[in-house]
């Protein structure tokens, strides 16, 4: 990859075990059932700053210290998962329960990016934390059965959000380029 060409980035948090493996198994199951592949190109995560394009050579040297200082100043927060939901007919996800602490972490991160990394685009949609199981490439004919299947299922878990990850897309899949521990 040419570091002067724009690359696709996102900022997310990954769940610890056993939630990571639980959600990964669900992603794999949906992939096997439907052929949907988009969601299995990224590990289970909650997106905090959605995908944006910037040139690595210009962005990463500036972003790394800003993001590290931000993360070090944030305490870990709790996240709860409860069952499944959809964005229209395109995206199946594990629902993240509304949590003020996670909302505050997201708002603080967005504010820090606006102040110190203004090249990171501002979000245009409200923050709706979730863990995607399938997105965009779901075959429309399979959506009704998948909706019925996941409406009948139950899933519940909680975990401490203890870090952030800056991902960069390499043209095939997402790669972690910086892992940041909350609270130093």
N, C-alpha and C. Protein backbone atom coordinates (compact mmCIF):
# COMPACT_ATOMS: atom_id res chain seq x y z
N UNK A 1 0.84 -1.18 0.00
CA UNK A 1 0.00 0.00 0.00
C UNK A 1 0.87 1.23 0.00
N UNK A 2 0.54 2.19 -0.82
CA UNK A 2 1.25 3.46 -0.93
C UNK A 2 0.77 4.38 0.19
N UNK A 3 1.69 4.81 1.07
CA UNK A 3 1.30 5.62 2.23
C UNK A 3 0.81 7.01 1.86
N UNK A 4 1.01 7.44 0.61
CA UNK A 4 0.50 8.74 0.19
C UNK A 4 -0.94 8.64 -0.32
N UNK A 5 -1.37 7.44 -0.69
CA UNK A 5 -2.74 7.22 -1.16
C UNK A 5 -3.67 7.09 0.04
N UNK A 6 -4.88 7.63 -0.06
CA UNK A 6 -5.81 7.49 1.07
C UNK A 6 -6.10 6.03 1.39
N UNK A 7 -6.17 5.74 2.67
CA UNK A 7 -6.53 4.41 3.17
C UNK A 7 -7.79 4.55 4.00
N UNK A 8 -8.48 3.44 4.16
CA UNK A 8 -9.70 3.42 4.95
C UNK A 8 -9.36 3.05 6.39
N UNK A 9 -9.83 3.86 7.34
CA UNK A 9 -9.58 3.66 8.77
C UNK A 9 -10.90 3.55 9.52
N UNK A 10 -10.85 2.98 10.72
CA UNK A 10 -11.94 3.09 11.68
C UNK A 10 -11.37 2.90 13.07
N UNK A 11 -12.08 3.44 14.06
CA UNK A 11 -11.71 3.28 15.46
C UNK A 11 -12.79 2.47 16.15
N UNK A 12 -12.37 1.43 16.88
CA UNK A 12 -13.33 0.51 17.47
C UNK A 12 -12.80 0.00 18.79
N UNK A 13 -13.66 -0.74 19.49
CA UNK A 13 -13.25 -1.48 20.66
C UNK A 13 -13.61 -2.94 20.44
N UNK A 14 -12.74 -3.83 20.87
CA UNK A 14 -12.97 -5.27 20.73
C UNK A 14 -13.34 -5.86 22.08
N UNK A 15 -14.29 -6.79 22.10
CA UNK A 15 -14.64 -7.42 23.37
C UNK A 15 -13.59 -8.46 23.77
N UNK A 16 -13.46 -8.72 25.06
CA UNK A 16 -12.56 -9.79 25.51
C UNK A 16 -13.24 -11.15 25.35
N UNK A 17 -12.49 -12.20 25.62
CA UNK A 17 -13.07 -13.54 25.70
C UNK A 17 -13.97 -13.63 26.92
N UNK A 18 -15.03 -14.38 26.92
CA UNK A 18 -15.50 -15.26 25.86
C UNK A 18 -16.42 -14.57 24.85
N UNK A 19 -16.71 -13.27 25.08
CA UNK A 19 -17.63 -12.56 24.16
C UNK A 19 -17.07 -12.55 22.75
N UNK A 20 -15.76 -12.31 22.62
CA UNK A 20 -15.14 -12.28 21.30
C UNK A 20 -15.46 -13.57 20.52
N UNK A 21 -15.19 -14.71 21.14
CA UNK A 21 -15.42 -16.00 20.47
C UNK A 21 -16.90 -16.26 20.22
N UNK A 22 -17.77 -15.85 21.16
CA UNK A 22 -19.22 -16.03 20.96
C UNK A 22 -19.69 -15.28 19.72
N UNK A 23 -19.32 -14.01 19.63
CA UNK A 23 -19.78 -13.17 18.51
C UNK A 23 -19.11 -13.62 17.22
N UNK A 24 -17.84 -14.01 17.27
CA UNK A 24 -17.16 -14.51 16.07
C UNK A 24 -17.87 -15.76 15.54
N UNK A 25 -18.28 -16.65 16.44
CA UNK A 25 -19.00 -17.86 16.02
C UNK A 25 -20.33 -17.50 15.36
N UNK A 26 -21.02 -16.50 15.87
CA UNK A 26 -22.27 -16.05 15.25
C UNK A 26 -22.03 -15.47 13.86
N UNK A 27 -20.97 -14.67 13.71
CA UNK A 27 -20.62 -14.13 12.39
C UNK A 27 -20.34 -15.26 11.40
N UNK A 28 -19.59 -16.25 11.85
CA UNK A 28 -19.25 -17.40 10.99
C UNK A 28 -20.51 -18.19 10.62
N UNK A 29 -21.42 -18.35 11.58
CA UNK A 29 -22.67 -19.07 11.31
C UNK A 29 -23.49 -18.34 10.23
N UNK A 30 -23.63 -17.03 10.37
CA UNK A 30 -24.39 -16.26 9.37
C UNK A 30 -23.69 -16.35 8.01
N UNK A 31 -22.38 -16.31 8.01
CA UNK A 31 -21.62 -16.46 6.76
C UNK A 31 -21.93 -17.81 6.12
N UNK A 32 -21.90 -18.89 6.91
CA UNK A 32 -22.19 -20.23 6.37
C UNK A 32 -23.63 -20.32 5.86
N UNK A 33 -24.57 -19.72 6.60
CA UNK A 33 -25.98 -19.80 6.21
C UNK A 33 -26.30 -19.01 4.95
N UNK A 34 -25.65 -17.86 4.78
CA UNK A 34 -26.07 -16.92 3.73
C UNK A 34 -25.01 -16.62 2.67
N UNK A 35 -23.75 -16.92 2.97
CA UNK A 35 -22.68 -16.52 2.06
C UNK A 35 -22.22 -15.09 2.28
N UNK A 36 -22.87 -14.36 3.17
CA UNK A 36 -22.48 -12.98 3.48
C UNK A 36 -21.05 -12.98 4.02
N UNK A 37 -20.19 -12.15 3.41
CA UNK A 37 -18.78 -12.16 3.80
C UNK A 37 -18.28 -10.86 4.39
N UNK A 38 -18.99 -9.75 4.18
CA UNK A 38 -18.47 -8.46 4.64
C UNK A 38 -18.13 -8.45 6.13
N UNK A 39 -19.01 -9.00 6.96
CA UNK A 39 -18.83 -8.91 8.41
C UNK A 39 -17.69 -9.78 8.93
N UNK A 40 -17.30 -10.82 8.19
CA UNK A 40 -16.21 -11.68 8.67
C UNK A 40 -14.83 -11.16 8.27
N UNK A 41 -14.79 -9.98 7.67
CA UNK A 41 -13.51 -9.36 7.32
C UNK A 41 -12.97 -8.48 8.44
N UNK A 42 -13.72 -8.40 9.53
CA UNK A 42 -13.32 -7.59 10.68
C UNK A 42 -13.71 -8.36 11.94
N UNK A 43 -12.87 -8.37 12.96
CA UNK A 43 -13.22 -9.11 14.18
C UNK A 43 -14.44 -8.49 14.87
N UNK A 44 -15.05 -9.20 15.80
CA UNK A 44 -16.16 -8.63 16.57
C UNK A 44 -15.71 -7.33 17.22
N UNK A 45 -16.53 -6.29 17.09
CA UNK A 45 -16.14 -4.98 17.59
C UNK A 45 -17.36 -4.08 17.74
N UNK A 46 -17.17 -2.98 18.46
CA UNK A 46 -18.12 -1.87 18.49
C UNK A 46 -17.41 -0.70 17.85
N UNK A 47 -17.96 -0.19 16.76
CA UNK A 47 -17.36 0.96 16.08
C UNK A 47 -17.59 2.22 16.90
N UNK A 48 -16.53 2.97 17.14
CA UNK A 48 -16.63 4.25 17.83
C UNK A 48 -16.52 5.43 16.86
N UNK A 49 -15.66 5.31 15.86
CA UNK A 49 -15.57 6.30 14.79
C UNK A 49 -15.66 5.50 13.48
N UNK A 50 -16.72 5.73 12.70
CA UNK A 50 -16.94 4.91 11.50
C UNK A 50 -15.87 5.14 10.43
N UNK A 51 -15.83 4.27 9.43
CA UNK A 51 -14.78 4.34 8.41
C UNK A 51 -14.64 5.72 7.76
N UNK A 52 -13.37 6.09 7.57
CA UNK A 52 -13.00 7.35 6.90
C UNK A 52 -11.72 7.12 6.13
N UNK A 53 -11.49 7.94 5.11
CA UNK A 53 -10.29 7.80 4.26
C UNK A 53 -9.32 8.95 4.48
N UNK A 54 -8.05 8.58 4.75
CA UNK A 54 -6.96 9.55 4.87
C UNK A 54 -5.66 8.88 4.43
N UNK A 55 -4.70 9.69 4.03
CA UNK A 55 -3.41 9.17 3.62
C UNK A 55 -2.61 8.77 4.86
N UNK A 56 -2.13 7.51 4.92
CA UNK A 56 -1.40 7.06 6.11
C UNK A 56 -0.19 7.91 6.48
N UNK A 57 0.57 8.35 5.49
CA UNK A 57 1.80 9.11 5.78
C UNK A 57 1.48 10.43 6.49
N UNK A 58 0.34 11.02 6.17
CA UNK A 58 -0.04 12.28 6.82
C UNK A 58 -0.81 12.04 8.11
N UNK A 59 -1.65 11.03 8.13
CA UNK A 59 -2.55 10.82 9.27
C UNK A 59 -1.91 10.09 10.44
N UNK A 60 -1.30 8.95 10.20
CA UNK A 60 -0.85 8.11 11.31
C UNK A 60 0.17 8.76 12.25
N UNK A 61 1.19 9.47 11.74
CA UNK A 61 2.14 10.09 12.69
C UNK A 61 1.47 11.13 13.59
N UNK A 62 0.44 11.80 13.10
CA UNK A 62 -0.28 12.77 13.92
C UNK A 62 -1.27 12.08 14.85
N UNK A 63 -1.93 11.04 14.35
CA UNK A 63 -3.01 10.40 15.10
C UNK A 63 -2.51 9.54 16.26
N UNK A 64 -1.43 8.83 16.05
CA UNK A 64 -0.98 7.87 17.07
C UNK A 64 -0.78 8.51 18.45
N UNK A 65 -0.03 9.61 18.57
CA UNK A 65 0.14 10.18 19.92
C UNK A 65 -1.16 10.79 20.48
N UNK A 66 -1.98 11.36 19.61
CA UNK A 66 -3.26 11.94 20.06
C UNK A 66 -4.16 10.85 20.62
N UNK A 67 -4.28 9.74 19.89
CA UNK A 67 -5.14 8.65 20.33
C UNK A 67 -4.60 7.97 21.58
N UNK A 68 -3.27 7.82 21.67
CA UNK A 68 -2.67 7.20 22.86
C UNK A 68 -2.92 8.05 24.09
N UNK A 69 -2.77 9.36 23.97
CA UNK A 69 -3.01 10.26 25.12
C UNK A 69 -4.49 10.25 25.50
N UNK A 70 -5.36 10.23 24.50
CA UNK A 70 -6.79 10.18 24.78
C UNK A 70 -7.13 8.91 25.57
N UNK A 71 -6.70 7.76 25.05
CA UNK A 71 -7.03 6.48 25.69
C UNK A 71 -6.49 6.42 27.11
N UNK A 72 -5.27 6.88 27.32
CA UNK A 72 -4.65 6.82 28.65
C UNK A 72 -5.45 7.63 29.67
N UNK A 73 -6.16 8.66 29.22
CA UNK A 73 -6.90 9.52 30.13
C UNK A 73 -8.33 9.03 30.39
N UNK A 74 -8.75 7.95 29.72
CA UNK A 74 -10.12 7.45 29.85
C UNK A 74 -10.18 6.23 30.76
N UNK A 75 -11.16 6.17 31.65
CA UNK A 75 -11.32 4.95 32.44
C UNK A 75 -12.03 3.88 31.62
N UNK A 76 -11.82 2.61 31.94
CA UNK A 76 -12.60 1.55 31.31
C UNK A 76 -14.09 1.77 31.60
N UNK A 77 -14.93 1.29 30.67
CA UNK A 77 -16.38 1.41 30.83
C UNK A 77 -17.02 0.05 30.58
N UNK A 78 -18.23 -0.14 31.07
CA UNK A 78 -18.95 -1.39 30.87
C UNK A 78 -19.80 -1.33 29.61
N UNK A 79 -19.89 -2.46 28.92
CA UNK A 79 -20.78 -2.61 27.78
C UNK A 79 -21.62 -3.86 27.99
N UNK A 80 -22.89 -3.77 27.71
CA UNK A 80 -23.79 -4.91 27.83
C UNK A 80 -24.37 -5.26 26.48
N UNK A 81 -24.48 -6.54 26.19
CA UNK A 81 -25.06 -7.02 24.94
C UNK A 81 -26.37 -7.72 25.26
N UNK A 82 -27.39 -7.48 24.43
CA UNK A 82 -28.70 -8.06 24.69
C UNK A 82 -29.40 -8.36 23.36
N UNK A 83 -29.41 -9.62 22.98
CA UNK A 83 -30.18 -10.10 21.83
C UNK A 83 -29.72 -9.49 20.50
N UNK A 84 -30.63 -9.47 19.51
CA UNK A 84 -30.26 -9.13 18.15
C UNK A 84 -31.24 -8.11 17.58
N UNK A 85 -30.79 -7.36 16.61
CA UNK A 85 -31.65 -6.38 15.95
C UNK A 85 -31.13 -6.17 14.52
N UNK A 86 -31.84 -5.34 13.79
CA UNK A 86 -31.53 -5.07 12.37
C UNK A 86 -31.53 -3.58 12.10
N UNK A 87 -30.69 -3.17 11.17
CA UNK A 87 -30.83 -1.88 10.49
C UNK A 87 -31.47 -2.23 9.15
N UNK A 88 -32.77 -1.96 9.01
CA UNK A 88 -33.48 -2.31 7.78
C UNK A 88 -33.38 -3.79 7.50
N UNK A 89 -33.13 -4.13 6.23
CA UNK A 89 -32.94 -5.52 5.82
C UNK A 89 -31.49 -5.79 5.46
N UNK A 90 -30.60 -4.86 5.78
CA UNK A 90 -29.22 -4.96 5.31
C UNK A 90 -28.23 -5.39 6.37
N UNK A 91 -28.51 -5.09 7.64
CA UNK A 91 -27.51 -5.32 8.68
C UNK A 91 -28.12 -6.00 9.89
N UNK A 92 -27.62 -7.20 10.21
CA UNK A 92 -27.98 -7.94 11.42
C UNK A 92 -26.89 -7.70 12.45
N UNK A 93 -27.30 -7.42 13.70
CA UNK A 93 -26.28 -7.13 14.71
C UNK A 93 -26.72 -7.60 16.10
N UNK A 94 -25.70 -7.73 16.97
CA UNK A 94 -25.94 -7.93 18.39
C UNK A 94 -26.16 -6.54 18.97
N UNK A 95 -27.26 -6.39 19.70
CA UNK A 95 -27.63 -5.09 20.24
C UNK A 95 -26.79 -4.78 21.48
N UNK A 96 -26.19 -3.58 21.51
CA UNK A 96 -25.48 -3.10 22.68
C UNK A 96 -26.49 -2.29 23.49
N UNK A 97 -26.66 -2.67 24.74
CA UNK A 97 -27.60 -1.97 25.60
C UNK A 97 -27.18 -0.52 25.79
N UNK A 98 -28.15 0.38 25.86
CA UNK A 98 -27.80 1.79 26.09
C UNK A 98 -27.01 1.91 27.40
N UNK A 99 -25.87 2.56 27.32
CA UNK A 99 -25.02 2.74 28.49
C UNK A 99 -24.42 4.14 28.44
N UNK A 100 -24.69 4.90 29.47
CA UNK A 100 -24.20 6.29 29.51
C UNK A 100 -22.68 6.35 29.41
N UNK A 101 -21.98 5.44 30.07
CA UNK A 101 -20.51 5.48 30.06
C UNK A 101 -19.96 5.26 28.65
N UNK A 102 -20.55 4.34 27.89
CA UNK A 102 -20.10 4.10 26.51
C UNK A 102 -20.43 5.30 25.63
N UNK A 103 -21.60 5.89 25.82
CA UNK A 103 -21.97 7.11 25.09
C UNK A 103 -20.97 8.22 25.39
N UNK A 104 -20.59 8.35 26.66
CA UNK A 104 -19.63 9.40 27.05
C UNK A 104 -18.26 9.15 26.43
N UNK A 105 -17.82 7.89 26.40
CA UNK A 105 -16.53 7.55 25.78
C UNK A 105 -16.57 7.94 24.30
N UNK A 106 -17.64 7.57 23.61
CA UNK A 106 -17.77 7.92 22.20
C UNK A 106 -17.76 9.44 22.00
N UNK A 107 -18.54 10.17 22.81
CA UNK A 107 -18.61 11.63 22.68
C UNK A 107 -17.24 12.27 22.94
N UNK A 108 -16.53 11.78 23.95
CA UNK A 108 -15.20 12.32 24.25
C UNK A 108 -14.23 12.04 23.11
N UNK A 109 -14.29 10.85 22.53
CA UNK A 109 -13.41 10.51 21.41
C UNK A 109 -13.73 11.38 20.20
N UNK A 110 -15.00 11.55 19.89
CA UNK A 110 -15.38 12.40 18.75
C UNK A 110 -14.92 13.84 18.98
N UNK A 111 -15.07 14.34 20.21
CA UNK A 111 -14.64 15.70 20.52
C UNK A 111 -13.12 15.83 20.40
N UNK A 112 -12.39 14.81 20.87
CA UNK A 112 -10.92 14.86 20.77
C UNK A 112 -10.48 14.86 19.31
N UNK A 113 -11.15 14.06 18.49
CA UNK A 113 -10.83 14.05 17.05
C UNK A 113 -11.13 15.40 16.42
N UNK A 114 -12.27 16.01 16.77
CA UNK A 114 -12.60 17.33 16.21
C UNK A 114 -11.53 18.35 16.57
N UNK A 115 -11.05 18.29 17.82
CA UNK A 115 -10.08 19.28 18.30
C UNK A 115 -8.66 19.03 17.79
N UNK A 116 -8.22 17.79 17.81
CA UNK A 116 -6.80 17.49 17.52
C UNK A 116 -6.57 16.82 16.18
N UNK A 117 -7.61 16.21 15.62
CA UNK A 117 -7.50 15.52 14.32
C UNK A 117 -8.68 15.95 13.44
N UNK A 118 -8.73 17.23 13.08
CA UNK A 118 -9.90 17.74 12.35
C UNK A 118 -10.10 17.10 10.98
N UNK A 119 -9.08 16.41 10.47
CA UNK A 119 -9.24 15.72 9.19
C UNK A 119 -10.14 14.49 9.29
N UNK A 120 -10.36 13.98 10.51
CA UNK A 120 -11.28 12.86 10.71
C UNK A 120 -12.70 13.43 10.55
N UNK A 121 -13.46 12.92 9.58
CA UNK A 121 -14.79 13.50 9.33
C UNK A 121 -15.71 13.35 10.54
N UNK A 122 -16.58 14.34 10.70
CA UNK A 122 -17.60 14.27 11.74
C UNK A 122 -18.67 13.28 11.33
N UNK A 123 -19.21 12.59 12.31
CA UNK A 123 -20.27 11.63 12.04
C UNK A 123 -21.53 12.35 11.60
N UNK A 124 -22.26 11.71 10.69
CA UNK A 124 -23.51 12.27 10.22
C UNK A 124 -24.71 11.52 10.80
N UNK A 125 -24.47 10.35 11.38
CA UNK A 125 -25.56 9.56 11.98
C UNK A 125 -25.38 9.52 13.48
N UNK A 126 -26.48 9.31 14.22
CA UNK A 126 -26.34 9.17 15.66
C UNK A 126 -25.55 7.92 16.01
N UNK A 127 -24.85 7.98 17.13
CA UNK A 127 -24.07 6.83 17.61
C UNK A 127 -25.03 5.75 18.08
N UNK A 128 -24.99 4.61 17.42
CA UNK A 128 -25.81 3.45 17.77
C UNK A 128 -24.87 2.26 17.94
N UNK A 129 -24.33 2.07 19.15
CA UNK A 129 -23.36 0.99 19.32
C UNK A 129 -24.00 -0.37 19.05
N UNK A 130 -23.25 -1.21 18.33
CA UNK A 130 -23.73 -2.55 17.97
C UNK A 130 -22.53 -3.39 17.54
N UNK A 131 -22.75 -4.71 17.43
CA UNK A 131 -21.74 -5.63 16.91
C UNK A 131 -22.34 -6.32 15.70
N UNK A 132 -21.85 -5.96 14.53
CA UNK A 132 -22.40 -6.45 13.27
C UNK A 132 -22.11 -7.94 13.08
N UNK A 133 -23.16 -8.67 12.66
CA UNK A 133 -23.02 -10.08 12.30
C UNK A 133 -23.05 -10.28 10.79
N UNK A 134 -23.78 -9.42 10.09
CA UNK A 134 -23.84 -9.48 8.62
C UNK A 134 -24.29 -8.12 8.13
N UNK A 135 -23.73 -7.70 7.00
CA UNK A 135 -24.08 -6.38 6.48
C UNK A 135 -23.93 -6.32 4.97
N UNK A 136 -24.74 -5.51 4.36
CA UNK A 136 -24.70 -5.12 2.95
C UNK A 136 -24.79 -6.25 1.93
N UNK A 137 -24.08 -7.35 2.12
CA UNK A 137 -24.08 -8.39 1.09
C UNK A 137 -25.00 -9.57 1.45
N UNK A 138 -25.94 -9.36 2.35
CA UNK A 138 -26.92 -10.41 2.66
C UNK A 138 -27.82 -10.63 1.44
N UNK A 139 -27.99 -11.87 0.99
CA UNK A 139 -28.91 -12.13 -0.12
C UNK A 139 -30.35 -11.78 0.31
N UNK A 140 -31.02 -10.87 -0.39
CA UNK A 140 -32.36 -10.44 0.02
C UNK A 140 -33.34 -11.59 0.24
N UNK A 141 -33.24 -12.63 -0.55
CA UNK A 141 -34.18 -13.76 -0.43
C UNK A 141 -34.00 -14.49 0.91
N UNK A 142 -32.82 -14.38 1.53
CA UNK A 142 -32.57 -15.08 2.79
C UNK A 142 -32.88 -14.25 4.03
N UNK A 143 -33.15 -12.97 3.84
CA UNK A 143 -33.37 -12.08 4.98
C UNK A 143 -34.59 -12.49 5.82
N UNK A 144 -35.76 -12.80 5.23
CA UNK A 144 -36.92 -13.16 6.07
C UNK A 144 -36.63 -14.35 7.00
N UNK A 145 -36.00 -15.38 6.51
CA UNK A 145 -35.69 -16.55 7.35
C UNK A 145 -34.67 -16.19 8.42
N UNK A 146 -33.69 -15.39 8.06
CA UNK A 146 -32.67 -14.97 9.02
C UNK A 146 -33.30 -14.10 10.12
N UNK A 147 -34.22 -13.22 9.72
CA UNK A 147 -34.91 -12.39 10.71
C UNK A 147 -35.70 -13.26 11.68
N UNK A 148 -36.42 -14.24 11.16
CA UNK A 148 -37.20 -15.14 12.02
C UNK A 148 -36.29 -15.93 12.94
N UNK A 149 -35.17 -16.43 12.41
CA UNK A 149 -34.22 -17.21 13.19
C UNK A 149 -33.69 -16.38 14.37
N UNK A 150 -33.20 -15.18 14.09
CA UNK A 150 -32.58 -14.38 15.15
C UNK A 150 -33.60 -13.72 16.08
N UNK A 151 -34.84 -13.56 15.64
CA UNK A 151 -35.89 -13.05 16.53
C UNK A 151 -36.20 -14.07 17.62
N UNK A 152 -35.98 -15.34 17.33
CA UNK A 152 -36.26 -16.40 18.30
C UNK A 152 -35.08 -16.68 19.24
N UNK A 153 -33.93 -16.13 18.94
CA UNK A 153 -32.73 -16.38 19.75
C UNK A 153 -32.59 -15.35 20.87
N UNK A 154 -31.85 -15.75 21.89
CA UNK A 154 -31.51 -14.85 22.98
C UNK A 154 -30.00 -14.89 23.18
N UNK A 155 -29.44 -13.73 23.48
CA UNK A 155 -28.02 -13.64 23.79
C UNK A 155 -27.84 -12.50 24.78
N UNK A 156 -27.04 -12.73 25.79
CA UNK A 156 -26.77 -11.69 26.78
C UNK A 156 -25.34 -11.86 27.27
N UNK A 157 -24.64 -10.74 27.36
CA UNK A 157 -23.27 -10.74 27.87
C UNK A 157 -22.92 -9.32 28.29
N UNK A 158 -21.89 -9.20 29.09
CA UNK A 158 -21.36 -7.87 29.42
C UNK A 158 -19.85 -8.00 29.54
N UNK A 159 -19.20 -6.87 29.36
CA UNK A 159 -17.73 -6.86 29.43
C UNK A 159 -17.25 -5.45 29.68
N UNK A 160 -16.01 -5.36 30.14
CA UNK A 160 -15.37 -4.06 30.33
C UNK A 160 -14.67 -3.67 29.03
N UNK A 161 -14.95 -2.46 28.59
CA UNK A 161 -14.23 -1.88 27.45
C UNK A 161 -12.94 -1.32 28.03
N UNK A 162 -11.82 -1.96 27.68
CA UNK A 162 -10.53 -1.59 28.27
C UNK A 162 -9.54 -1.05 27.25
N UNK A 163 -9.96 -0.97 25.98
CA UNK A 163 -9.04 -0.47 24.98
C UNK A 163 -9.74 -0.08 23.70
N UNK A 164 -9.00 0.61 22.86
CA UNK A 164 -9.45 1.02 21.53
C UNK A 164 -8.47 0.46 20.52
N UNK A 165 -8.92 0.30 19.29
CA UNK A 165 -8.04 -0.16 18.21
C UNK A 165 -8.28 0.73 17.00
N UNK A 166 -7.19 1.23 16.43
CA UNK A 166 -7.24 1.92 15.15
C UNK A 166 -6.98 0.86 14.08
N UNK A 167 -7.96 0.68 13.18
CA UNK A 167 -7.83 -0.27 12.08
C UNK A 167 -7.60 0.47 10.77
N UNK A 168 -6.83 -0.16 9.87
CA UNK A 168 -6.65 0.32 8.50
C UNK A 168 -6.96 -0.84 7.56
N UNK A 169 -7.70 -0.56 6.52
CA UNK A 169 -8.05 -1.59 5.54
C UNK A 169 -6.89 -1.75 4.57
N UNK A 170 -6.47 -2.99 4.33
CA UNK A 170 -5.33 -3.25 3.46
C UNK A 170 -5.73 -3.57 2.02
N UNK A 171 -7.01 -3.37 1.70
CA UNK A 171 -7.50 -3.71 0.37
C UNK A 171 -8.28 -5.02 0.36
N UNK A 172 -8.05 -5.85 1.37
CA UNK A 172 -8.77 -7.12 1.49
C UNK A 172 -9.50 -7.23 2.82
N UNK A 173 -8.82 -6.83 3.89
CA UNK A 173 -9.44 -6.91 5.22
C UNK A 173 -8.86 -5.83 6.12
N UNK A 174 -9.46 -5.70 7.29
CA UNK A 174 -9.04 -4.70 8.27
C UNK A 174 -7.87 -5.23 9.09
N UNK A 175 -6.87 -4.38 9.27
CA UNK A 175 -5.69 -4.72 10.07
C UNK A 175 -5.55 -3.73 11.23
N UNK A 176 -5.26 -4.21 12.44
CA UNK A 176 -5.01 -3.27 13.54
C UNK A 176 -3.66 -2.57 13.32
N UNK A 177 -3.65 -1.25 13.44
CA UNK A 177 -2.39 -0.51 13.30
C UNK A 177 -1.96 0.13 14.62
N UNK A 178 -2.90 0.24 15.57
CA UNK A 178 -2.56 0.77 16.88
C UNK A 178 -3.58 0.28 17.90
N UNK A 179 -3.08 -0.32 18.98
CA UNK A 179 -3.94 -0.76 20.08
C UNK A 179 -3.68 0.15 21.26
N UNK A 180 -4.75 0.63 21.89
CA UNK A 180 -4.64 1.66 22.90
C UNK A 180 -5.38 1.23 24.16
N UNK A 181 -4.66 1.09 25.26
CA UNK A 181 -5.29 0.70 26.52
C UNK A 181 -5.94 1.92 27.17
N UNK A 182 -7.18 1.74 27.64
CA UNK A 182 -7.82 2.81 28.40
C UNK A 182 -7.20 2.87 29.78
N UNK A 183 -7.08 4.07 30.31
CA UNK A 183 -6.54 4.27 31.64
C UNK A 183 -5.04 4.04 31.71
N UNK A 184 -4.37 4.12 30.56
CA UNK A 184 -2.91 3.94 30.53
C UNK A 184 -2.60 2.50 30.47
